[in-house]
Amino acid sequence: MTSTAPMHPYLARELIARAERADEHWARLARMQPADQQIGTARHIDHANAGFLARAVADYGWPGVPLVGEEGARAAWRLALRADTRADVQRLASRLMYDAVDRGTASLRQWAHLYDRCLVNADLPQLYGTQYRLGPDGPQRQALSEPAGDLDARRAAVGLPPAGLALRRLRDRLAADPCFADAAAPAVLRGAA
């Protein structure tokens, strides 16, 4: 991938702003026992973002690096990952992103996460082991396609770290104090954790 100025900086700014707002909202919810209303608000944000991403893809194609820069492309991927209420948009994003990977304008590693997300949302086992659910003992990897013993080799082929290391990093991230723009939020969340 190249790092030149994006062709559509306004689209990049909007993608980044939407992804950051969604990231912050979900980060807050991941560290607490959220009420149904809070989860519903997050899902509404994700649904609106999926609609925006669908319009952007219809107008421009996949928002790869040349179109929106590296940060904008990463933001588009994050919006696609959370487009669970719009499986059609999520699957389209996966196909278009895969084509962009072939052209060298998108990240293979990011695509692997999105592909796994599409599989899990279709009630199929994932291929790269990137998707987790919070269980009673913390994050638990969702079902894997067989043979599971080849997981680290599949992960290495797309630039992902070994599965055990990825799980440790996820647990460390969830255990760490979050960083929010709202200074009052961390104190409330630390007390709730």
N, C-alpha and C. Protein backbone atom coordinates (compact mmCIF):
# COMPACT_ATOMS: atom_id res chain seq x y z
N MET A 1 0.84 -1.18 0.00
CA MET A 1 0.00 0.00 0.00
C MET A 1 0.88 1.24 0.00
N THR A 2 0.37 2.28 -0.59
CA THR A 2 1.12 3.52 -0.65
C THR A 2 0.55 4.51 0.36
N SER A 3 1.36 5.49 0.72
CA SER A 3 0.88 6.51 1.66
C SER A 3 0.96 7.88 0.99
N THR A 4 0.03 8.15 0.10
CA THR A 4 -0.08 9.45 -0.55
C THR A 4 -1.34 10.12 -0.04
N ALA A 5 -1.51 11.38 -0.41
CA ALA A 5 -2.71 12.10 0.01
C ALA A 5 -3.94 11.42 -0.61
N PRO A 6 -5.00 11.27 0.16
CA PRO A 6 -6.19 10.61 -0.37
C PRO A 6 -6.86 11.44 -1.47
N MET A 7 -7.46 10.74 -2.42
CA MET A 7 -8.18 11.42 -3.51
C MET A 7 -9.44 12.12 -3.00
N HIS A 8 -10.04 11.58 -1.95
CA HIS A 8 -11.29 12.13 -1.40
C HIS A 8 -11.13 12.37 0.11
N PRO A 9 -10.45 13.44 0.49
CA PRO A 9 -10.21 13.67 1.93
C PRO A 9 -11.48 13.90 2.73
N TYR A 10 -12.52 14.47 2.12
CA TYR A 10 -13.78 14.67 2.85
C TYR A 10 -14.43 13.34 3.21
N LEU A 11 -14.36 12.38 2.30
CA LEU A 11 -14.89 11.04 2.59
C LEU A 11 -14.05 10.39 3.69
N ALA A 12 -12.74 10.56 3.61
CA ALA A 12 -11.85 10.02 4.64
C ALA A 12 -12.21 10.58 6.00
N ARG A 13 -12.40 11.89 6.09
CA ARG A 13 -12.74 12.52 7.38
C ARG A 13 -14.04 11.97 7.95
N GLU A 14 -15.04 11.79 7.09
CA GLU A 14 -16.33 11.28 7.56
C GLU A 14 -16.21 9.83 8.04
N LEU A 15 -15.51 9.00 7.28
CA LEU A 15 -15.30 7.60 7.70
C LEU A 15 -14.58 7.55 9.04
N ILE A 16 -13.53 8.33 9.19
CA ILE A 16 -12.75 8.35 10.43
C ILE A 16 -13.60 8.82 11.60
N ALA A 17 -14.35 9.89 11.41
CA ALA A 17 -15.19 10.42 12.50
C ALA A 17 -16.24 9.39 12.93
N ARG A 18 -16.86 8.74 11.97
CA ARG A 18 -17.88 7.73 12.29
C ARG A 18 -17.25 6.54 13.03
N ALA A 19 -16.11 6.08 12.56
CA ALA A 19 -15.45 4.94 13.21
C ALA A 19 -15.01 5.30 14.62
N GLU A 20 -14.49 6.50 14.82
CA GLU A 20 -14.05 6.90 16.17
C GLU A 20 -15.21 6.99 17.13
N ARG A 21 -16.34 7.55 16.69
CA ARG A 21 -17.52 7.62 17.57
C ARG A 21 -18.00 6.23 17.94
N ALA A 22 -18.06 5.34 16.97
CA ALA A 22 -18.50 3.96 17.24
C ALA A 22 -17.50 3.25 18.15
N ASP A 23 -16.21 3.42 17.90
CA ASP A 23 -15.18 2.79 18.74
C ASP A 23 -15.34 3.21 20.20
N GLU A 24 -15.51 4.50 20.41
CA GLU A 24 -15.62 5.00 21.78
C GLU A 24 -16.86 4.43 22.47
N HIS A 25 -17.97 4.40 21.76
CA HIS A 25 -19.21 3.88 22.36
C HIS A 25 -19.06 2.40 22.72
N TRP A 26 -18.52 1.59 21.79
CA TRP A 26 -18.36 0.17 22.06
C TRP A 26 -17.31 -0.09 23.14
N ALA A 27 -16.26 0.73 23.20
CA ALA A 27 -15.24 0.56 24.24
C ALA A 27 -15.85 0.76 25.62
N ARG A 28 -16.74 1.71 25.73
CA ARG A 28 -17.43 1.93 27.01
C ARG A 28 -18.26 0.71 27.39
N LEU A 29 -19.00 0.18 26.41
CA LEU A 29 -19.89 -0.95 26.69
C LEU A 29 -19.13 -2.23 27.00
N ALA A 30 -17.94 -2.40 26.44
CA ALA A 30 -17.17 -3.63 26.63
C ALA A 30 -16.69 -3.78 28.06
N ARG A 31 -16.68 -2.70 28.82
CA ARG A 31 -16.14 -2.74 30.17
C ARG A 31 -17.23 -2.63 31.24
N MET A 32 -18.46 -2.89 30.86
CA MET A 32 -19.55 -2.79 31.83
C MET A 32 -20.64 -3.79 31.47
N GLN A 33 -21.62 -3.90 32.32
CA GLN A 33 -22.80 -4.70 32.02
C GLN A 33 -23.83 -3.74 31.42
N PRO A 34 -23.82 -3.57 30.09
CA PRO A 34 -24.68 -2.55 29.48
C PRO A 34 -26.15 -2.95 29.52
N ALA A 35 -26.99 -1.94 29.61
CA ALA A 35 -28.43 -2.14 29.53
C ALA A 35 -28.79 -2.36 28.07
N ASP A 36 -29.94 -2.97 27.85
CA ASP A 36 -30.40 -3.22 26.48
C ASP A 36 -30.48 -1.93 25.67
N GLN A 37 -30.88 -0.84 26.32
CA GLN A 37 -30.99 0.45 25.64
C GLN A 37 -29.62 0.92 25.14
N GLN A 38 -28.57 0.72 25.93
CA GLN A 38 -27.22 1.13 25.52
C GLN A 38 -26.73 0.29 24.34
N ILE A 39 -27.01 -1.00 24.38
CA ILE A 39 -26.64 -1.87 23.26
C ILE A 39 -27.44 -1.47 22.03
N GLY A 40 -28.71 -1.17 22.22
CA GLY A 40 -29.55 -0.74 21.10
C GLY A 40 -29.04 0.54 20.46
N THR A 41 -28.58 1.47 21.29
CA THR A 41 -28.00 2.71 20.76
C THR A 41 -26.76 2.41 19.93
N ALA A 42 -25.91 1.52 20.43
CA ALA A 42 -24.70 1.16 19.69
C ALA A 42 -25.06 0.49 18.37
N ARG A 43 -26.03 -0.40 18.39
CA ARG A 43 -26.47 -1.07 17.16
C ARG A 43 -27.06 -0.06 16.17
N HIS A 44 -27.77 0.93 16.68
CA HIS A 44 -28.33 1.97 15.81
C HIS A 44 -27.20 2.76 15.13
N ILE A 45 -26.17 3.10 15.90
CA ILE A 45 -25.00 3.79 15.34
C ILE A 45 -24.37 2.94 14.25
N ASP A 46 -24.18 1.65 14.54
CA ASP A 46 -23.58 0.75 13.56
C ASP A 46 -24.44 0.62 12.31
N HIS A 47 -25.75 0.56 12.48
CA HIS A 47 -26.65 0.44 11.34
C HIS A 47 -26.56 1.70 10.46
N ALA A 48 -26.57 2.87 11.09
CA ALA A 48 -26.44 4.12 10.33
C ALA A 48 -25.10 4.18 9.62
N ASN A 49 -24.05 3.74 10.29
CA ASN A 49 -22.72 3.73 9.67
C ASN A 49 -22.67 2.76 8.49
N ALA A 50 -23.35 1.62 8.61
CA ALA A 50 -23.40 0.65 7.51
C ALA A 50 -24.11 1.26 6.31
N GLY A 51 -25.16 2.02 6.56
CA GLY A 51 -25.86 2.71 5.47
C GLY A 51 -24.95 3.72 4.79
N PHE A 52 -24.20 4.47 5.59
CA PHE A 52 -23.25 5.43 5.01
C PHE A 52 -22.19 4.70 4.19
N LEU A 53 -21.65 3.60 4.73
CA LEU A 53 -20.64 2.84 4.01
C LEU A 53 -21.21 2.28 2.70
N ALA A 54 -22.45 1.81 2.72
CA ALA A 54 -23.08 1.28 1.50
C ALA A 54 -23.18 2.38 0.44
N ARG A 55 -23.55 3.59 0.85
CA ARG A 55 -23.63 4.70 -0.11
C ARG A 55 -22.24 5.06 -0.65
N ALA A 56 -21.24 5.06 0.23
CA ALA A 56 -19.87 5.38 -0.20
C ALA A 56 -19.37 4.34 -1.19
N VAL A 57 -19.63 3.07 -0.91
CA VAL A 57 -19.19 1.99 -1.80
C VAL A 57 -19.91 2.09 -3.14
N ALA A 58 -21.19 2.43 -3.13
CA ALA A 58 -21.94 2.58 -4.38
C ALA A 58 -21.38 3.73 -5.21
N ASP A 59 -20.96 4.79 -4.54
CA ASP A 59 -20.45 5.98 -5.26
C ASP A 59 -19.00 5.83 -5.70
N TYR A 60 -18.16 5.18 -4.88
CA TYR A 60 -16.71 5.20 -5.11
C TYR A 60 -16.06 3.83 -5.24
N GLY A 61 -16.75 2.76 -4.89
CA GLY A 61 -16.10 1.46 -4.76
C GLY A 61 -15.54 1.34 -3.36
N TRP A 62 -14.75 0.29 -3.12
CA TRP A 62 -14.20 0.11 -1.77
C TRP A 62 -13.29 1.29 -1.43
N PRO A 63 -13.46 1.90 -0.24
CA PRO A 63 -12.61 3.02 0.17
C PRO A 63 -11.20 2.55 0.55
N GLY A 64 -10.43 2.25 -0.46
CA GLY A 64 -9.05 1.81 -0.25
C GLY A 64 -8.12 2.98 -0.01
N VAL A 65 -6.86 2.68 0.18
CA VAL A 65 -5.86 3.68 0.53
C VAL A 65 -5.78 4.83 -0.48
N PRO A 66 -5.75 4.58 -1.78
CA PRO A 66 -5.65 5.72 -2.70
C PRO A 66 -6.84 6.68 -2.58
N LEU A 67 -8.01 6.14 -2.30
CA LEU A 67 -9.22 6.95 -2.23
C LEU A 67 -9.31 7.77 -0.95
N VAL A 68 -8.99 7.14 0.20
CA VAL A 68 -9.23 7.80 1.50
C VAL A 68 -8.02 7.78 2.43
N GLY A 69 -6.87 7.32 1.97
CA GLY A 69 -5.69 7.26 2.83
C GLY A 69 -5.74 6.04 3.75
N GLU A 70 -4.62 5.78 4.42
CA GLU A 70 -4.56 4.59 5.29
C GLU A 70 -5.52 4.67 6.45
N GLU A 71 -5.61 5.83 7.09
CA GLU A 71 -6.52 5.96 8.23
C GLU A 71 -7.98 5.86 7.80
N GLY A 72 -8.32 6.44 6.66
CA GLY A 72 -9.69 6.34 6.14
C GLY A 72 -10.04 4.92 5.75
N ALA A 73 -9.08 4.20 5.14
CA ALA A 73 -9.32 2.80 4.76
C ALA A 73 -9.52 1.94 6.00
N ARG A 74 -8.73 2.20 7.04
CA ARG A 74 -8.88 1.46 8.30
C ARG A 74 -10.25 1.76 8.92
N ALA A 75 -10.70 3.01 8.82
CA ALA A 75 -12.01 3.38 9.35
C ALA A 75 -13.13 2.68 8.58
N ALA A 76 -13.02 2.61 7.26
CA ALA A 76 -14.03 1.93 6.44
C ALA A 76 -14.12 0.46 6.86
N TRP A 77 -12.96 -0.15 7.07
CA TRP A 77 -12.93 -1.55 7.52
C TRP A 77 -13.63 -1.71 8.86
N ARG A 78 -13.36 -0.78 9.80
CA ARG A 78 -13.99 -0.87 11.13
C ARG A 78 -15.51 -0.73 11.02
N LEU A 79 -15.98 0.15 10.13
CA LEU A 79 -17.43 0.28 9.94
C LEU A 79 -18.00 -1.01 9.36
N ALA A 80 -17.30 -1.61 8.42
CA ALA A 80 -17.77 -2.87 7.83
C ALA A 80 -17.80 -3.99 8.87
N LEU A 81 -16.81 -4.03 9.74
CA LEU A 81 -16.79 -5.06 10.79
C LEU A 81 -18.02 -4.99 11.67
N ARG A 82 -18.50 -3.79 11.91
CA ARG A 82 -19.64 -3.62 12.82
C ARG A 82 -20.97 -3.55 12.10
N ALA A 83 -21.00 -3.84 10.83
CA ALA A 83 -22.23 -3.76 10.04
C ALA A 83 -23.07 -5.03 10.22
N ASP A 84 -23.12 -5.56 11.42
CA ASP A 84 -23.82 -6.82 11.69
C ASP A 84 -25.31 -6.76 11.36
N THR A 85 -25.93 -5.59 11.47
CA THR A 85 -27.35 -5.47 11.16
C THR A 85 -27.59 -5.38 9.66
N ARG A 86 -26.52 -5.23 8.90
CA ARG A 86 -26.60 -5.15 7.43
C ARG A 86 -25.64 -6.18 6.83
N ALA A 87 -26.02 -7.45 6.93
CA ALA A 87 -25.16 -8.52 6.43
C ALA A 87 -24.86 -8.35 4.95
N ASP A 88 -25.81 -7.78 4.19
CA ASP A 88 -25.56 -7.55 2.77
C ASP A 88 -24.39 -6.58 2.56
N VAL A 89 -24.35 -5.53 3.35
CA VAL A 89 -23.27 -4.55 3.26
C VAL A 89 -21.96 -5.19 3.72
N GLN A 90 -22.02 -5.97 4.77
CA GLN A 90 -20.82 -6.61 5.30
C GLN A 90 -20.22 -7.59 4.28
N ARG A 91 -21.06 -8.39 3.66
CA ARG A 91 -20.57 -9.34 2.65
C ARG A 91 -20.02 -8.62 1.42
N LEU A 92 -20.72 -7.57 0.98
CA LEU A 92 -20.23 -6.79 -0.15
C LEU A 92 -18.89 -6.15 0.17
N ALA A 93 -18.77 -5.61 1.37
CA ALA A 93 -17.51 -5.00 1.79
C ALA A 93 -16.39 -6.03 1.78
N SER A 94 -16.67 -7.24 2.23
CA SER A 94 -15.66 -8.29 2.24
C SER A 94 -15.20 -8.62 0.82
N ARG A 95 -16.14 -8.75 -0.10
CA ARG A 95 -15.77 -9.05 -1.50
C ARG A 95 -14.96 -7.91 -2.12
N LEU A 96 -15.43 -6.68 -1.91
CA LEU A 96 -14.74 -5.53 -2.50
C LEU A 96 -13.36 -5.32 -1.86
N MET A 97 -13.29 -5.56 -0.56
CA MET A 97 -12.01 -5.41 0.12
C MET A 97 -11.02 -6.47 -0.36
N TYR A 98 -11.50 -7.68 -0.59
CA TYR A 98 -10.63 -8.73 -1.10
C TYR A 98 -10.04 -8.34 -2.46
N ASP A 99 -10.88 -7.78 -3.31
CA ASP A 99 -10.40 -7.29 -4.61
C ASP A 99 -9.37 -6.17 -4.42
N ALA A 100 -9.61 -5.30 -3.44
CA ALA A 100 -8.68 -4.21 -3.16
C ALA A 100 -7.35 -4.75 -2.63
N VAL A 101 -7.40 -5.83 -1.86
CA VAL A 101 -6.17 -6.48 -1.39
C VAL A 101 -5.36 -6.94 -2.59
N ASP A 102 -6.03 -7.55 -3.58
CA ASP A 102 -5.35 -8.00 -4.80
C ASP A 102 -4.68 -6.85 -5.54
N ARG A 103 -5.30 -5.67 -5.48
CA ARG A 103 -4.73 -4.49 -6.15
C ARG A 103 -3.68 -3.80 -5.28
N GLY A 104 -3.54 -4.23 -4.03
CA GLY A 104 -2.57 -3.61 -3.13
C GLY A 104 -3.06 -2.34 -2.48
N THR A 105 -4.38 -2.15 -2.43
CA THR A 105 -4.94 -0.92 -1.86
C THR A 105 -5.70 -1.16 -0.56
N ALA A 106 -5.63 -2.38 -0.03
CA ALA A 106 -6.27 -2.71 1.25
C ALA A 106 -5.41 -3.75 1.96
N SER A 107 -5.64 -3.89 3.24
CA SER A 107 -4.86 -4.78 4.10
C SER A 107 -5.43 -6.20 4.10
N LEU A 108 -4.58 -7.17 3.80
CA LEU A 108 -4.99 -8.58 3.85
C LEU A 108 -5.37 -8.96 5.28
N ARG A 109 -4.61 -8.48 6.23
CA ARG A 109 -4.87 -8.77 7.65
C ARG A 109 -6.26 -8.27 8.06
N GLN A 110 -6.58 -7.04 7.66
CA GLN A 110 -7.90 -6.50 7.98
C GLN A 110 -9.00 -7.29 7.28
N TRP A 111 -8.76 -7.64 6.01
CA TRP A 111 -9.76 -8.42 5.28
C TRP A 111 -10.04 -9.73 6.00
N ALA A 112 -9.02 -10.40 6.53
CA ALA A 112 -9.20 -11.68 7.23
C ALA A 112 -10.17 -11.51 8.41
N HIS A 113 -10.05 -10.40 9.14
CA HIS A 113 -10.98 -10.13 10.24
C HIS A 113 -12.41 -9.99 9.71
N LEU A 114 -12.55 -9.23 8.63
CA LEU A 114 -13.89 -9.00 8.07
C LEU A 114 -14.48 -10.30 7.51
N TYR A 115 -13.66 -11.09 6.86
CA TYR A 115 -14.12 -12.37 6.31
C TYR A 115 -14.61 -13.28 7.44
N ASP A 116 -13.84 -13.37 8.52
CA ASP A 116 -14.27 -14.16 9.68
C ASP A 116 -15.58 -13.65 10.24
N ARG A 117 -15.72 -12.33 10.31
CA ARG A 117 -16.95 -11.74 10.85
C ARG A 117 -18.15 -12.13 10.01
N CYS A 118 -17.97 -12.09 8.68
CA CYS A 118 -19.06 -12.50 7.78
C CYS A 118 -19.43 -13.96 8.00
N LEU A 119 -18.43 -14.82 8.15
CA LEU A 119 -18.69 -16.24 8.39
C LEU A 119 -19.46 -16.45 9.69
N VAL A 120 -18.99 -15.83 10.77
CA VAL A 120 -19.63 -15.98 12.08
C VAL A 120 -21.07 -15.46 12.03
N ASN A 121 -21.28 -14.33 11.36
CA ASN A 121 -22.63 -13.78 11.27
C ASN A 121 -23.56 -14.62 10.41
N ALA A 122 -22.99 -15.49 9.58
CA ALA A 122 -23.79 -16.43 8.79
C ALA A 122 -23.90 -17.78 9.50
N ASP A 123 -23.53 -17.83 10.78
CA ASP A 123 -23.56 -19.06 11.59
C ASP A 123 -22.66 -20.14 11.01
N LEU A 124 -21.53 -19.72 10.46
CA LEU A 124 -20.52 -20.65 9.94
C LEU A 124 -19.25 -20.52 10.77
N PRO A 125 -18.43 -21.57 10.82
CA PRO A 125 -17.18 -21.47 11.57
C PRO A 125 -16.20 -20.52 10.85
N GLN A 126 -15.46 -19.79 11.64
CA GLN A 126 -14.50 -18.84 11.08
C GLN A 126 -13.23 -19.54 10.63
N LEU A 127 -12.47 -18.89 9.77
CA LEU A 127 -11.27 -19.48 9.20
C LEU A 127 -10.00 -19.05 9.92
N TYR A 128 -9.93 -17.78 10.32
CA TYR A 128 -8.69 -17.22 10.88
C TYR A 128 -8.70 -17.02 12.39
N GLY A 129 -9.81 -17.30 13.05
CA GLY A 129 -9.88 -17.21 14.51
C GLY A 129 -9.78 -15.79 15.05
N THR A 130 -10.41 -14.84 14.37
CA THR A 130 -10.33 -13.45 14.81
C THR A 130 -11.54 -13.00 15.62
N GLN A 131 -12.58 -13.80 15.67
CA GLN A 131 -13.83 -13.38 16.31
C GLN A 131 -14.03 -14.08 17.65
N TYR A 132 -14.41 -13.27 18.66
CA TYR A 132 -14.57 -13.74 20.03
C TYR A 132 -15.92 -13.30 20.57
N ARG A 133 -16.36 -13.98 21.58
CA ARG A 133 -17.53 -13.59 22.39
C ARG A 133 -17.06 -13.54 23.83
N LEU A 134 -17.65 -12.63 24.59
CA LEU A 134 -17.31 -12.59 26.02
C LEU A 134 -18.08 -13.70 26.72
N GLY A 135 -17.34 -14.54 27.42
CA GLY A 135 -17.93 -15.62 28.18
C GLY A 135 -17.71 -15.37 29.66
N PRO A 136 -18.06 -16.32 30.50
CA PRO A 136 -17.92 -16.14 31.94
C PRO A 136 -16.46 -15.96 32.37
N ASP A 137 -15.51 -16.48 31.59
CA ASP A 137 -14.09 -16.35 31.93
C ASP A 137 -13.37 -15.37 31.02
N GLY A 138 -14.11 -14.46 30.38
CA GLY A 138 -13.50 -13.50 29.48
C GLY A 138 -13.74 -13.87 28.03
N PRO A 139 -12.92 -13.31 27.14
CA PRO A 139 -13.14 -13.58 25.71
C PRO A 139 -12.88 -15.03 25.35
N GLN A 140 -13.77 -15.56 24.52
CA GLN A 140 -13.65 -16.94 24.04
C GLN A 140 -13.77 -16.92 22.52
N ARG A 141 -12.83 -17.58 21.85
CA ARG A 141 -12.83 -17.64 20.39
C ARG A 141 -14.06 -18.39 19.92
N GLN A 142 -14.70 -17.86 18.91
CA GLN A 142 -15.87 -18.53 18.33
C GLN A 142 -15.42 -19.73 17.50
N ALA A 143 -16.37 -20.55 17.09
CA ALA A 143 -16.09 -21.81 16.41
C ALA A 143 -15.17 -21.61 15.20
N LEU A 144 -14.26 -22.58 15.04
CA LEU A 144 -13.29 -22.56 13.95
C LEU A 144 -13.61 -23.63 12.93
N SER A 145 -13.25 -23.37 11.68
CA SER A 145 -13.36 -24.39 10.65
C SER A 145 -12.25 -25.41 10.87
N GLU A 146 -12.43 -26.57 10.37
CA GLU A 146 -11.44 -27.64 10.53
C GLU A 146 -10.42 -27.57 9.42
N PRO A 147 -9.23 -27.98 9.59
CA PRO A 147 -8.67 -28.46 10.85
C PRO A 147 -8.19 -27.29 11.71
N ALA A 148 -8.63 -27.25 12.94
CA ALA A 148 -8.26 -26.17 13.85
C ALA A 148 -6.76 -26.15 14.12
N GLY A 149 -6.08 -27.29 13.99
CA GLY A 149 -4.64 -27.36 14.22
C GLY A 149 -3.83 -26.53 13.25
N ASP A 150 -4.41 -26.20 12.10
CA ASP A 150 -3.73 -25.38 11.11
C ASP A 150 -3.98 -23.89 11.30
N LEU A 151 -4.63 -23.50 12.40
CA LEU A 151 -5.02 -22.12 12.63
C LEU A 151 -3.84 -21.16 12.55
N ASP A 152 -2.76 -21.44 13.27
CA ASP A 152 -1.64 -20.50 13.27
C ASP A 152 -1.01 -20.36 11.89
N ALA A 153 -1.00 -21.43 11.10
CA ALA A 153 -0.47 -21.35 9.73
C ALA A 153 -1.37 -20.47 8.87
N ARG A 154 -2.70 -20.63 9.02
CA ARG A 154 -3.63 -19.78 8.26
C ARG A 154 -3.47 -18.33 8.68
N ARG A 155 -3.33 -18.10 9.98
CA ARG A 155 -3.17 -16.74 10.48
C ARG A 155 -1.88 -16.12 9.95
N ALA A 156 -0.80 -16.87 9.97
CA ALA A 156 0.49 -16.35 9.49
C ALA A 156 0.40 -15.99 8.01
N ALA A 157 -0.35 -16.75 7.23
CA ALA A 157 -0.47 -16.50 5.79
C ALA A 157 -1.12 -15.15 5.48
N VAL A 158 -1.91 -14.63 6.43
CA VAL A 158 -2.56 -13.33 6.22
C VAL A 158 -1.97 -12.24 7.12
N GLY A 159 -0.86 -12.54 7.77
CA GLY A 159 -0.17 -11.52 8.57
C GLY A 159 -0.68 -11.36 9.99
N LEU A 160 -1.41 -12.33 10.49
CA LEU A 160 -1.91 -12.28 11.86
C LEU A 160 -0.95 -12.99 12.80
N PRO A 161 -0.86 -12.54 14.05
CA PRO A 161 0.00 -13.22 15.02
C PRO A 161 -0.59 -14.57 15.43
N PRO A 162 0.19 -15.41 16.09
CA PRO A 162 -0.35 -16.69 16.57
C PRO A 162 -1.61 -16.48 17.43
N ALA A 163 -2.50 -17.44 17.38
CA ALA A 163 -3.79 -17.33 18.06
C ALA A 163 -3.65 -17.09 19.56
N GLY A 164 -2.74 -17.78 20.20
CA GLY A 164 -2.55 -17.62 21.64
C GLY A 164 -2.11 -16.20 22.00
N LEU A 165 -1.20 -15.65 21.23
CA LEU A 165 -0.72 -14.28 21.45
C LEU A 165 -1.86 -13.29 21.24
N ALA A 166 -2.66 -13.49 20.21
CA ALA A 166 -3.79 -12.60 19.94
C ALA A 166 -4.78 -12.61 21.10
N LEU A 167 -5.05 -13.78 21.66
CA LEU A 167 -5.97 -13.88 22.79
C LEU A 167 -5.41 -13.17 24.02
N ARG A 168 -4.12 -13.35 24.29
CA ARG A 168 -3.50 -12.64 25.43
C ARG A 168 -3.59 -11.13 25.24
N ARG A 169 -3.32 -10.65 24.03
CA ARG A 169 -3.40 -9.21 23.76
C ARG A 169 -4.82 -8.68 23.97
N LEU A 170 -5.80 -9.45 23.51
CA LEU A 170 -7.19 -9.05 23.70
C LEU A 170 -7.53 -8.97 25.18
N ARG A 171 -7.14 -9.96 25.93
CA ARG A 171 -7.42 -9.94 27.38
C ARG A 171 -6.72 -8.76 28.05
N ASP A 172 -5.49 -8.47 27.65
CA ASP A 172 -4.77 -7.31 28.21
C ASP A 172 -5.49 -6.00 27.87
N ARG A 173 -5.96 -5.87 26.62
CA ARG A 173 -6.68 -4.66 26.22
C ARG A 173 -7.95 -4.48 27.02
N LEU A 174 -8.68 -5.55 27.22
CA LEU A 174 -9.93 -5.46 27.98
C LEU A 174 -9.68 -5.17 29.46
N ALA A 175 -8.54 -5.61 29.98
CA ALA A 175 -8.22 -5.38 31.39
C ALA A 175 -7.66 -3.98 31.63
N ALA A 176 -7.12 -3.35 30.59
CA ALA A 176 -6.50 -2.02 30.74
C ALA A 176 -7.56 -0.95 30.91
N ASP A 177 -7.17 0.13 31.58
CA ASP A 177 -8.06 1.27 31.71
C ASP A 177 -8.26 1.90 30.34
N PRO A 178 -9.51 2.15 29.96
CA PRO A 178 -9.77 2.76 28.66
C PRO A 178 -9.38 4.24 28.65
N CYS A 179 -9.12 4.75 27.48
CA CYS A 179 -8.83 6.18 27.30
C CYS A 179 -10.00 6.79 26.56
N PHE A 180 -10.69 7.71 27.22
CA PHE A 180 -11.84 8.38 26.61
C PHE A 180 -11.61 9.88 26.60
N ALA A 181 -12.28 10.55 25.68
CA ALA A 181 -12.23 12.01 25.62
C ALA A 181 -12.91 12.60 26.86
N ASP A 182 -13.93 11.93 27.37
CA ASP A 182 -14.66 12.38 28.54
C ASP A 182 -13.90 11.95 29.79
N ALA A 183 -13.30 12.89 30.50
CA ALA A 183 -12.44 12.59 31.63
C ALA A 183 -13.18 11.90 32.77
N ALA A 184 -14.48 12.13 32.90
CA ALA A 184 -15.24 11.52 34.01
C ALA A 184 -15.51 10.04 33.76
N ALA A 185 -15.52 9.61 32.52
CA ALA A 185 -15.90 8.23 32.20
C ALA A 185 -14.99 7.19 32.79
N PRO A 186 -13.64 7.33 32.72
CA PRO A 186 -12.80 6.27 33.24
C PRO A 186 -13.02 5.94 34.71
N ALA A 187 -13.26 6.94 35.53
CA ALA A 187 -13.46 6.70 36.95
C ALA A 187 -14.71 5.86 37.17
N VAL A 188 -15.78 6.15 36.42
CA VAL A 188 -17.02 5.39 36.55
C VAL A 188 -16.79 3.96 36.10
N LEU A 189 -16.10 3.77 34.97
CA LEU A 189 -15.89 2.44 34.46
C LEU A 189 -14.94 1.63 35.32
N ARG A 190 -13.92 2.27 35.90
CA ARG A 190 -13.00 1.55 36.79
C ARG A 190 -13.74 1.00 37.99
N GLY A 191 -14.67 1.79 38.50
CA GLY A 191 -15.43 1.34 39.66
C GLY A 191 -16.37 0.20 39.31
N ALA A 192 -16.84 0.18 38.06
CA ALA A 192 -17.79 -0.85 37.65
C ALA A 192 -17.10 -2.15 37.27
N ALA A 193 -15.83 -2.10 36.95
CA ALA A 193 -15.13 -3.29 36.43
C ALA A 193 -14.81 -4.31 37.46
